[in-house]
Amino acid sequence: MPTKSTRQSARRRAQRGNKSSTQAGAYVREEMHKFKRGRGNAQSRKQAVAIGLSEAREDGVRVKGRRKRKSAPSRSWASASKGKPRRSTGGRRGSARK
């Protein structure tokens, strides 16, 4: 449960027009402080950050979710050519030879 001063700090930052991540920073800071003192529920630093962001969301701060990992580029051309190397189609190389 965030303290009253943490909520006020986040609200002040919102009124000033700071980003939502800055507003959520107050909650994360408090949770990290609890973690370092051995009083919070977190068992690691990552978990402390996650708890802080979760509490920020509960209080109405619009925090973005995790970024999705980019997937590897698809290799649809490989299945079309059945693994054979591509031939070059452009340029003067092929037409210049006699």
C-alpha atoms as a PDB file:
ATOM      1  CA  MET A   1       0.000   0.000   0.000  1.00  0.00           C
ATOM      2  CA  PRO A   2       1.563   3.285  -1.063  1.00  0.00           C
ATOM      3  CA  THR A   3       1.903   6.032   1.485  1.00  0.00           C
ATOM      4  CA  LYS A   4       0.022   9.291   1.313  1.00  0.00           C
ATOM      5  CA  SER A   5       3.179  11.225   0.413  1.00  0.00           C
ATOM      6  CA  THR A   6       3.860   8.868  -2.520  1.00  0.00           C
ATOM      7  CA  ARG A   7       0.378   9.441  -3.909  1.00  0.00           C
ATOM      8  CA  GLN A   8       0.739  13.193  -3.493  1.00  0.00           C
ATOM      9  CA  SER A   9       4.115  13.151  -5.234  1.00  0.00           C
ATOM     10  CA  ALA A  10       2.697  11.263  -8.210  1.00  0.00           C
ATOM     11  CA  ARG A  11      -0.311  13.584  -8.367  1.00  0.00           C
ATOM     12  CA  ARG A  12       1.957  16.653  -8.353  1.00  0.00           C
ATOM     13  CA  ARG A  13       4.014  15.207 -11.172  1.00  0.00           C
ATOM     14  CA  ALA A  14       0.831  14.561 -13.172  1.00  0.00           C
ATOM     15  CA  GLN A  15      -0.324  18.146 -12.689  1.00  0.00           C
ATOM     16  CA  ARG A  16       3.053  19.408 -13.876  1.00  0.00           C
ATOM     17  CA  GLY A  17       2.617  17.388 -17.055  1.00  0.00           C
ATOM     18  CA  ASN A  18       5.341  14.824 -16.472  1.00  0.00           C
ATOM     19  CA  LYS A  19       5.282  11.504 -18.290  1.00  0.00           C
ATOM     20  CA  SER A  20       3.414   8.612 -16.745  1.00  0.00           C
ATOM     21  CA  SER A  21       6.688   6.749 -16.218  1.00  0.00           C
ATOM     22  CA  THR A  22       7.910   9.661 -14.076  1.00  0.00           C
ATOM     23  CA  GLN A  23       4.694   9.575 -12.070  1.00  0.00           C
ATOM     24  CA  ALA A  24       5.067   5.831 -11.540  1.00  0.00           C
ATOM     25  CA  GLY A  25       8.647   6.410 -10.414  1.00  0.00           C
ATOM     26  CA  ALA A  26       7.372   7.589  -7.037  1.00  0.00           C
ATOM     27  CA  TYR A  27       5.707   4.231  -6.435  1.00  0.00           C
ATOM     28  CA  VAL A  28       8.752   2.292  -7.629  1.00  0.00           C
ATOM     29  CA  ARG A  29      11.030   4.404  -5.429  1.00  0.00           C
ATOM     30  CA  GLU A  30       8.942   3.649  -2.362  1.00  0.00           C
ATOM     31  CA  GLU A  31       8.844  -0.073  -3.119  1.00  0.00           C
ATOM     32  CA  MET A  32      12.622  -0.162  -3.654  1.00  0.00           C
ATOM     33  CA  HIS A  33      13.072   1.596  -0.322  1.00  0.00           C
ATOM     34  CA  LYS A  34      10.928  -1.072   1.376  1.00  0.00           C
ATOM     35  CA  PHE A  35      12.875  -3.828  -0.385  1.00  0.00           C
ATOM     36  CA  LYS A  36      16.237  -2.470   0.726  1.00  0.00           C
ATOM     37  CA  ARG A  37      15.009  -2.271   4.329  1.00  0.00           C
ATOM     38  CA  GLY A  38      13.596  -5.802   4.164  1.00  0.00           C
ATOM     39  CA  ARG A  39      10.033  -4.715   4.854  1.00  0.00           C
ATOM     40  CA  GLY A  40       8.256  -5.127   1.510  1.00  0.00           C
ATOM     41  CA  ASN A  41       6.858  -8.180  -0.238  1.00  0.00           C
ATOM     42  CA  ALA A  42       9.472  -8.175  -2.990  1.00  0.00           C
ATOM     43  CA  GLN A  43      12.207 -10.795  -3.041  1.00  0.00           C
ATOM     44  CA  SER A  44      14.268  -9.190  -5.825  1.00  0.00           C
ATOM     45  CA  ARG A  45      14.849  -5.781  -7.364  1.00  0.00           C
ATOM     46  CA  LYS A  46      12.895  -6.721 -10.485  1.00  0.00           C
ATOM     47  CA  GLN A  47       9.968  -7.801  -8.377  1.00  0.00           C
ATOM     48  CA  ALA A  48      10.103  -4.541  -6.415  1.00  0.00           C
ATOM     49  CA  VAL A  49       9.856  -2.581  -9.663  1.00  0.00           C
ATOM     50  CA  ALA A  50       6.933  -4.733 -10.817  1.00  0.00           C
ATOM     51  CA  ILE A  51       5.083  -4.211  -7.533  1.00  0.00           C
ATOM     52  CA  GLY A  52       5.678  -0.460  -7.723  1.00  0.00           C
ATOM     53  CA  LEU A  53       4.299  -0.274 -11.264  1.00  0.00           C
ATOM     54  CA  SER A  54       1.330  -2.405 -10.268  1.00  0.00           C
ATOM     55  CA  GLU A  55       0.493  -0.063  -7.384  1.00  0.00           C
ATOM     56  CA  ALA A  56       0.809   2.905  -9.736  1.00  0.00           C
ATOM     57  CA  ARG A  57      -1.681   1.291 -12.111  1.00  0.00           C
ATOM     58  CA  GLU A  58      -4.085   0.676  -9.233  1.00  0.00           C
ATOM     59  CA  ASP A  59      -3.964   4.386  -8.385  1.00  0.00           C
ATOM     60  CA  GLY A  60      -4.769   5.374 -11.959  1.00  0.00           C
ATOM     61  CA  VAL A  61      -1.360   6.085 -13.503  1.00  0.00           C
ATOM     62  CA  ARG A  62      -1.365   4.948 -17.117  1.00  0.00           C
ATOM     63  CA  VAL A  63       1.841   2.947 -17.250  1.00  0.00           C
ATOM     64  CA  LYS A  64       2.664   1.154 -20.471  1.00  0.00           C
ATOM     65  CA  GLY A  65       3.023  -2.610 -20.399  1.00  0.00           C
ATOM     66  CA  ARG A  66       6.131  -4.595 -21.208  1.00  0.00           C
ATOM     67  CA  ARG A  67       7.545  -4.175 -24.674  1.00  0.00           C
ATOM     68  CA  LYS A  68       7.181  -7.209 -26.843  1.00  0.00           C
ATOM     69  CA  ARG A  69      10.292  -8.817 -28.214  1.00  0.00           C
ATOM     70  CA  LYS A  70      10.720  -8.486 -31.959  1.00  0.00           C
ATOM     71  CA  SER A  71      10.423 -11.798 -33.736  1.00  0.00           C
ATOM     72  CA  ALA A  72      12.946 -13.042 -36.250  1.00  0.00           C
ATOM     73  CA  PRO A  73      12.246 -12.107 -39.877  1.00  0.00           C
ATOM     74  CA  SER A  74      10.174 -14.672 -41.694  1.00  0.00           C
ATOM     75  CA  ARG A  75      11.893 -16.826 -44.295  1.00  0.00           C
ATOM     76  CA  SER A  76       8.982 -17.321 -46.647  1.00  0.00           C
ATOM     77  CA  TRP A  77      11.257 -16.977 -49.696  1.00  0.00           C
ATOM     78  CA  ALA A  78      13.191 -20.070 -48.579  1.00  0.00           C
ATOM     79  CA  SER A  79      10.141 -22.264 -48.769  1.00  0.00           C
ATOM     80  CA  ALA A  80       9.185 -20.784 -52.140  1.00  0.00           C
ATOM     81  CA  SER A  81      12.582 -21.529 -53.668  1.00  0.00           C
ATOM     82  CA  LYS A  82      12.908 -24.785 -51.683  1.00  0.00           C
ATOM     83  CA  GLY A  83      16.249 -23.783 -50.209  1.00  0.00           C
ATOM     84  CA  LYS A  84      17.956 -23.103 -53.535  1.00  0.00           C
ATOM     85  CA  PRO A  85      20.079 -19.955 -53.814  1.00  0.00           C
ATOM     86  CA  ARG A  86      18.510 -17.079 -55.698  1.00  0.00           C
ATOM     87  CA  ARG A  87      19.662 -16.088 -59.152  1.00  0.00           C
ATOM     88  CA  SER A  88      20.498 -12.481 -59.795  1.00  0.00           C
ATOM     89  CA  THR A  89      18.021 -10.949 -62.216  1.00  0.00           C
ATOM     90  CA  GLY A  90      19.220  -7.391 -62.611  1.00  0.00           C
ATOM     91  CA  GLY A  91      22.356  -5.676 -63.766  1.00  0.00           C
ATOM     92  CA  ARG A  92      24.631  -6.142 -66.749  1.00  0.00           C
ATOM     93  CA  ARG A  93      26.392  -9.263 -65.606  1.00  0.00           C
ATOM     94  CA  GLY A  94      24.121 -11.813 -67.224  1.00  0.00           C
ATOM     95  CA  SER A  95      23.463  -9.909 -70.444  1.00  0.00           C
ATOM     96  CA  ALA A  96      27.069  -8.770 -71.030  1.00  0.00           C
ATOM     97  CA  ARG A  97      28.408 -12.317 -71.345  1.00  0.00           C
ATOM     98  CA  LYS A  98      28.453 -13.919 -74.764  1.00  0.00           C
END
